[in-house]
Protein backbone atom coordinates (compact mmCIF):
# COMPACT_ATOMS: atom_id res chain seq x y z
CA MET A 1 28.38 34.75 85.97
CA ALA A 2 28.99 32.15 88.68
CA ILE A 3 29.83 33.37 92.17
CA ALA A 4 31.84 31.22 94.54
CA ARG A 5 29.65 29.71 97.23
CA ASP A 6 29.90 31.32 100.64
CA LEU A 7 27.18 30.18 103.01
CA ARG A 8 28.53 31.93 106.13
CA TYR A 9 25.34 33.62 107.06
CA HIS A 10 23.10 34.10 110.08
CA ALA A 11 19.40 34.87 110.14
CA ALA A 12 20.04 37.96 112.28
CA MET A 13 21.60 39.59 109.22
CA GLN A 14 18.14 39.70 107.70
CA ARG A 15 16.81 42.21 110.23
CA ALA A 16 16.07 45.41 108.32
CA GLU A 17 16.88 48.95 109.35
CA TYR A 18 14.89 52.18 108.98
CA TRP A 19 11.56 51.27 110.52
CA ILE A 20 9.52 52.28 113.51
CA LEU A 21 6.71 50.87 115.61
CA GLY A 22 3.72 53.01 114.79
CA GLU A 23 0.33 53.40 116.36
CA GLY A 24 -0.99 50.17 117.79
CA GLY A 25 2.42 48.53 117.48
CA GLN A 26 2.28 48.33 113.71
CA VAL A 27 5.57 48.26 111.84
CA GLN A 28 6.20 51.20 109.51
CA CYS A 29 9.12 51.12 107.07
CA THR A 30 10.88 54.49 106.68
CA LEU A 31 13.31 53.58 103.91
CA CYS A 32 11.45 55.21 101.04
CA PRO A 33 8.69 57.81 100.55
CA HIS A 34 5.93 55.19 100.66
CA ARG A 35 6.52 54.71 104.40
CA CYS A 36 4.55 51.47 104.21
CA VAL A 37 2.66 50.31 107.29
CA ILE A 38 3.07 46.53 107.05
CA PRO A 39 0.93 43.92 108.78
CA GLU A 40 2.44 40.77 110.24
CA GLY A 41 3.34 38.27 107.53
CA ARG A 42 3.07 40.80 104.70
CA THR A 43 5.52 42.91 102.71
CA GLY A 44 5.64 46.54 101.67
CA LYS A 45 5.22 47.81 98.12
CA CYS A 46 8.76 46.72 97.31
CA ARG A 47 7.90 43.04 98.01
CA VAL A 48 11.24 42.39 99.73
CA ARG A 49 10.84 44.09 103.11
CA GLY A 50 8.35 42.27 105.29
CA VAL A 51 7.18 41.89 108.88
CA ARG A 52 7.97 38.64 110.63
CA ASN A 53 7.41 38.19 114.37
CA GLY A 54 6.88 41.90 114.87
CA GLU A 55 10.10 43.03 113.16
CA LEU A 56 10.92 44.34 109.69
CA ILE A 57 13.01 41.80 107.82
CA ALA A 58 15.15 42.30 104.70
CA LEU A 59 13.76 39.27 102.89
CA GLY A 60 15.99 39.72 99.85
CA TYR A 61 19.29 39.91 101.73
CA GLY A 62 21.91 37.96 99.81
CA ARG A 63 19.56 36.71 97.10
CA LEU A 64 20.74 37.72 93.66
CA SER A 65 18.63 37.70 90.53
CA SER A 66 21.47 38.61 88.16
CA ALA A 67 25.24 38.97 88.10
CA HIS A 68 27.32 39.90 85.08
CA ILE A 69 30.38 41.85 83.93
CA ASP A 70 29.28 44.87 81.88
CA PRO A 71 30.86 47.89 80.22
CA ILE A 72 30.48 50.89 82.53
CA GLU A 73 28.73 52.62 79.61
CA LYS A 74 25.82 50.17 79.97
CA LYS A 75 24.75 51.64 83.33
CA PRO A 76 24.74 54.19 81.57
CA LEU A 77 27.75 56.15 82.80
CA TYR A 78 29.74 57.95 80.11
CA HIS A 79 31.90 60.21 82.27
CA PHE A 80 33.02 57.70 84.91
CA TYR A 81 36.06 55.65 83.92
CA PRO A 82 34.99 55.33 80.26
CA GLY A 83 35.91 52.06 78.60
CA GLN A 84 36.21 50.11 81.85
CA SER A 85 34.22 47.04 82.89
CA ILE A 86 32.25 46.68 86.11
CA PHE A 87 30.65 43.76 87.93
CA SER A 88 26.87 44.22 87.95
CA ALA A 89 24.77 42.61 90.66
CA GLY A 90 21.00 42.74 91.03
CA GLY A 91 18.46 41.51 93.53
CA TRP A 92 14.66 41.46 93.58
CA GLY A 93 11.88 43.97 94.03
CA CYS A 94 11.30 47.67 93.46
CA ASN A 95 9.48 50.45 95.28
CA LEU A 96 7.90 51.73 92.07
CA GLY A 97 5.44 49.96 89.81
CA CYS A 98 6.20 51.54 86.44
CA THR A 99 3.76 50.39 83.79
CA PHE A 100 6.63 50.36 81.28
CA CYS A 101 9.20 48.49 83.43
CA GLN A 102 11.97 46.90 81.36
CA ASN A 103 12.97 44.46 84.12
CA CYS A 104 9.54 43.51 85.46
CA THR A 105 10.40 39.82 85.88
CA ILE A 106 12.76 40.69 88.75
CA SER A 107 11.53 44.09 89.91
CA GLN A 108 7.85 43.29 90.25
CA THR A 109 8.27 40.14 92.31
CA GLY A 110 9.61 39.18 95.71
CA ALA A 111 12.83 37.31 96.36
CA PRO A 112 12.48 33.55 95.92
CA GLU A 113 13.97 31.08 98.34
CA ALA A 114 17.50 30.69 97.03
CA GLU A 115 21.09 30.28 98.09
CA VAL A 116 22.36 33.33 99.93
CA GLN A 117 25.42 35.05 98.52
CA ALA A 118 27.43 36.71 101.26
CA PRO A 119 28.80 40.19 100.45
CA ALA A 120 32.36 38.83 100.44
CA ALA A 121 31.50 36.37 97.66
CA VAL A 122 30.15 39.11 95.42
CA VAL A 123 33.11 41.39 96.08
CA ALA A 124 35.47 38.52 95.23
CA ALA A 125 33.62 38.02 91.94
CA ALA A 126 34.36 41.63 91.00
CA ALA A 127 38.09 40.95 90.78
CA GLY A 128 39.64 42.38 87.62
CA THR A 129 36.92 44.99 87.15
CA LEU A 130 36.42 48.59 88.24
CA GLY A 131 34.08 47.56 91.03
CA ILE A 132 30.43 46.77 91.65
CA ALA A 133 27.30 48.27 90.10
CA TYR A 134 24.12 47.74 92.10
CA THR A 135 21.58 47.50 89.32
CA TYR A 136 18.98 45.49 87.35
CA ASN A 137 16.29 45.77 90.04
CA GLU A 138 15.97 48.80 92.37
CA PRO A 139 19.00 48.39 94.65
CA THR A 140 17.86 50.70 97.45
CA VAL A 141 15.09 48.30 98.52
CA GLY A 142 17.93 45.93 99.43
CA PHE A 143 19.58 48.68 101.45
CA GLU A 144 21.29 46.49 104.05
CA TYR A 145 22.83 44.12 101.52
CA VAL A 146 24.00 46.93 99.23
CA ARG A 147 25.49 48.82 102.16
CA ASP A 148 27.33 45.77 103.46
CA MET A 149 28.73 44.96 100.01
CA ALA A 150 29.67 48.57 99.35
CA GLN A 151 31.56 48.85 102.64
CA LEU A 152 33.56 45.73 101.88
CA ALA A 153 34.14 46.75 98.26
CA ARG A 154 35.45 50.14 99.39
CA GLU A 155 37.86 48.42 101.80
CA GLU A 156 39.12 46.26 98.92
CA GLY A 157 39.75 49.30 96.69
CA PHE A 158 36.76 48.86 94.37
CA LYS A 159 34.41 51.57 93.10
CA ASN A 160 30.71 51.46 93.93
CA VAL A 161 28.01 52.49 91.46
CA LEU A 162 24.31 52.83 92.27
CA VAL A 163 21.82 52.61 89.39
CA THR A 164 18.61 53.80 90.99
CA ASN A 165 15.14 55.23 90.51
CA GLY A 166 15.98 57.72 93.28
CA HIS A 167 12.78 56.98 95.26
CA PHE A 168 14.68 56.93 98.53
CA ASN A 169 14.45 58.87 101.79
CA ALA A 170 17.14 61.35 102.83
CA GLU A 171 18.20 59.65 106.07
CA PRO A 172 19.14 56.23 104.65
CA ALA A 173 20.60 58.01 101.61
CA ALA A 174 22.90 59.94 103.94
CA GLU A 175 24.26 56.59 105.16
CA LEU A 176 24.62 55.03 101.70
CA LEU A 177 25.87 57.90 99.54
CA PRO A 178 29.31 58.22 101.23
CA LEU A 179 29.96 54.65 100.07
CA MET A 180 29.01 55.40 96.46
CA ASP A 181 31.42 56.76 93.87
CA ALA A 182 28.86 57.25 91.11
CA LEU A 183 25.12 57.08 90.49
CA ASN A 184 22.86 56.95 87.51
CA ILE A 185 19.50 58.28 88.63
CA ASP A 186 16.37 57.71 86.55
CA ILE A 187 14.24 60.85 86.39
CA LYS A 188 11.23 59.48 84.55
CA SER A 189 9.40 62.80 84.19
CA MET A 190 9.17 66.20 85.84
CA ASP A 191 5.40 65.78 86.04
CA ALA A 192 4.04 64.72 89.45
CA SER A 193 0.93 63.20 87.87
CA PHE A 194 3.07 61.01 85.58
CA TYR A 195 4.87 59.60 88.62
CA ARG A 196 1.62 58.97 90.47
CA GLU A 197 -0.27 57.39 87.56
CA GLN A 198 2.48 55.54 85.67
CA CYS A 199 4.94 54.71 88.45
CA GLY A 200 3.13 54.98 91.77
CA GLY A 201 5.77 57.33 93.16
CA ASP A 202 6.71 60.89 94.09
CA VAL A 203 8.87 62.94 91.72
CA ALA A 204 9.80 65.42 94.46
CA ALA A 205 11.59 62.66 96.37
CA VAL A 206 13.57 61.65 93.27
CA LEU A 207 14.69 65.21 92.58
CA ALA A 208 15.69 65.64 96.21
CA LEU A 209 17.80 62.46 96.08
CA ALA A 210 19.58 63.66 92.94
CA ALA A 211 20.46 66.97 94.60
CA GLN A 212 21.57 65.12 97.75
CA ALA A 213 23.87 62.85 95.74
CA VAL A 214 25.55 65.78 94.00
CA ALA A 215 25.95 67.60 97.33
CA ALA A 216 27.52 64.45 98.80
CA GLY A 217 30.26 64.61 96.16
CA CYS A 218 29.16 61.60 94.11
CA HIS A 219 29.56 61.54 90.36
CA VAL A 220 25.99 61.73 89.03
CA GLU A 221 24.49 61.06 85.61
CA LEU A 222 20.78 61.06 84.79
CA THR A 223 18.53 59.01 82.54
CA ASN A 224 15.15 60.06 81.13
CA LEU A 225 13.13 57.46 79.21
CA LEU A 226 10.93 59.22 76.65
CA ILE A 227 7.50 57.63 76.12
CA PRO A 228 5.40 58.92 73.19
CA GLY A 229 2.46 61.00 74.33
CA LEU A 230 3.30 60.78 78.02
CA ASN A 231 6.54 62.63 78.77
CA ASP A 232 8.09 63.55 75.41
CA SER A 233 6.70 67.03 74.69
CA ASP A 234 9.10 69.92 74.11
CA GLY A 235 7.78 71.62 77.24
CA GLN A 236 8.38 68.63 79.48
CA ILE A 237 11.88 68.12 78.12
CA GLU A 238 12.77 71.78 78.59
CA VAL A 239 11.54 71.71 82.20
CA LEU A 240 13.88 68.81 82.92
CA ALA A 241 16.87 70.49 81.27
CA ARG A 242 16.27 73.74 83.13
CA TRP A 243 15.99 71.91 86.44
CA VAL A 244 19.26 70.03 85.89
CA VAL A 245 21.08 73.28 85.12
CA SER A 246 19.68 75.17 88.10
CA GLU A 247 19.82 72.41 90.73
CA LEU A 248 22.66 70.07 89.69
CA GLY A 249 24.86 71.89 87.21
CA VAL A 250 25.36 72.34 83.50
CA THR A 251 28.01 69.57 83.28
CA VAL A 252 25.85 66.76 84.71
CA PRO A 253 25.37 64.26 81.85
CA LEU A 254 21.80 63.54 80.76
CA HIS A 255 20.95 60.32 78.89
CA LEU A 256 17.75 60.44 76.86
CA SER A 257 16.62 56.88 76.30
CA GLY A 258 14.29 55.29 73.78
CA TYR A 259 11.26 53.43 75.11
CA HIS A 260 10.08 50.07 73.77
CA PRO A 261 6.81 48.33 74.73
CA ALA A 262 7.23 46.37 77.96
CA PHE A 263 5.26 45.09 80.96
CA LYS A 264 1.83 46.81 80.84
CA MET A 265 2.72 49.54 78.33
CA THR A 266 1.80 48.83 74.70
CA ARG A 267 2.43 52.24 73.11
CA SER A 268 4.66 52.27 70.05
CA ALA A 269 8.38 52.70 70.54
CA THR A 270 9.84 56.19 70.72
CA PRO A 271 10.60 57.51 67.21
CA VAL A 272 14.23 58.36 66.56
CA ARG A 273 13.19 61.86 65.46
CA THR A 274 11.60 62.48 68.89
CA LEU A 275 14.83 61.58 70.67
CA GLU A 276 16.96 63.66 68.32
CA ARG A 277 14.63 66.65 68.84
CA ALA A 278 14.89 66.19 72.62
CA TRP A 279 18.68 66.04 72.30
CA GLU A 280 18.69 69.37 70.44
CA LEU A 281 16.51 71.03 73.08
CA CYS A 282 18.62 69.79 75.98
CA ARG A 283 21.89 70.68 74.26
CA GLU A 284 20.77 74.33 74.30
CA ARG A 285 21.22 74.28 78.08
CA LEU A 286 23.34 71.26 79.06
CA GLU A 287 26.90 70.56 77.98
CA TYR A 288 26.59 66.77 77.81
CA VAL A 289 23.50 65.07 76.42
CA TYR A 290 23.41 61.52 75.08
CA LEU A 291 20.93 59.26 73.32
CA GLY A 292 20.51 55.60 74.22
CA ASN A 293 18.51 52.50 73.43
CA LEU A 294 18.34 53.34 69.71
CA ARG A 295 20.43 53.46 66.56
CA SER A 296 21.45 57.02 65.75
CA THR A 297 24.64 58.88 64.95
CA VAL A 298 23.41 61.75 67.15
CA GLY A 299 24.20 61.93 70.84
CA GLN A 300 26.83 59.20 71.02
CA ASP A 301 30.19 60.94 71.25
CA THR A 302 31.53 63.24 73.95
CA ALA A 303 32.59 66.63 72.59
CA CYS A 304 34.54 69.36 74.37
CA PRO A 305 32.16 72.17 75.40
CA GLY A 306 34.94 74.66 74.80
CA CYS A 307 35.98 73.92 71.21
CA HIS A 308 33.61 71.08 70.20
CA ALA A 309 36.45 68.69 69.39
CA VAL A 310 35.47 65.03 69.89
CA LEU A 311 37.00 63.70 73.10
CA ILE A 312 35.48 60.21 73.14
CA ARG A 313 34.16 58.34 70.12
CA ARG A 314 31.51 55.66 70.77
CA ASP A 315 30.17 52.86 68.61
CA GLY A 316 27.73 51.00 70.82
CA TYR A 317 29.80 50.05 73.86
CA LYS A 318 33.10 50.41 71.99
CA VAL A 319 34.92 53.44 73.34
CA ALA A 320 37.92 55.32 71.95
CA GLN A 321 39.47 58.26 73.77
CA ILE A 322 40.67 60.13 70.70
CA GLY A 323 40.85 63.72 71.92
CA LEU A 324 42.11 63.50 75.50
CA ALA A 325 45.60 63.93 76.91
CA SER A 326 46.28 63.93 80.65
CA GLY A 327 42.62 64.58 81.35
CA ARG A 328 42.38 67.58 79.04
CA CYS A 329 41.08 68.33 75.57
CA GLN A 330 44.01 67.98 73.19
CA ALA A 331 42.67 70.79 71.00
CA CYS A 332 42.04 73.57 73.52
CA GLY A 333 43.37 72.31 76.85
CA ARG A 334 40.04 72.44 78.70
CA VAL A 335 39.88 70.03 81.65
CA ALA A 336 37.50 67.16 80.87
CA ASP A 337 34.37 66.95 83.02
CA MET A 338 34.81 63.27 83.76
CA ILE A 339 36.65 60.79 85.94
CA LEU A 340 39.35 58.98 84.00
CA ALA A 341 41.62 56.06 84.85
């Protein structure tokens, strides 16, 4: 989607935050758990935060890779203004290096030289939608740009949605989360070795961010991509479900997503039966579990946990609120665990 040109911009806006001068005057970024020590002229693992003239610079500030109006369900968020559209904006770079990355052409590269889009131009492009979703690449590596857009969007009455891998330190998260209305956080596995070997990250940091977001009052939904032979065993799935119940709450929606070969990963796609089995296991503990990135009649609709009446019927991204009245289940009167228009 085209965004109106707005070139009001100054190089000083590119100066990054959350960094320190370490031993020997070296610049160390403190935005994410990597805490990269970055030499002059180089970038950190994210490829978009680099040292120039002794300072950390947000090299991707204002440079968009993608912009599009999407259904909110595509984020995926099923309990946050269902049926509404949202303006999705993405930049460049990521602080993980997942071998199975679905968006590797933008996440595993730095920001190219391109026209800068000021935050006001992006917010203006969101007119007529629910708000802005920061998505496609990992938005937290563009912290300054996301924060500036989110502040302006909030002032204009828009909602802010963060679609993130959760590999983010607590201090910058404490600044960003009050600006966010909803998050979808990708918990790729509960296994620390999986994160190290397949993603180059730290699962403990991701879990801490999810708990921090819930504590901050944000609406939170989770996604878990199931990869055959790596993170799809019954035991691994049950560990995730138990953790969500104990640390976040039984009503936090969990989206179990089907994997397809991408980037460096050539394993066969996740069988439908694996996803449906995972759905059954998680439904024993969680009230809302969904299946995505596949064709199945299981795990699509939202049912009332009280009486099991269907509240929302889904066919792909087509949404029909068939069992709700004034935010309650029409059949039993239970208040719906979602944010409605």
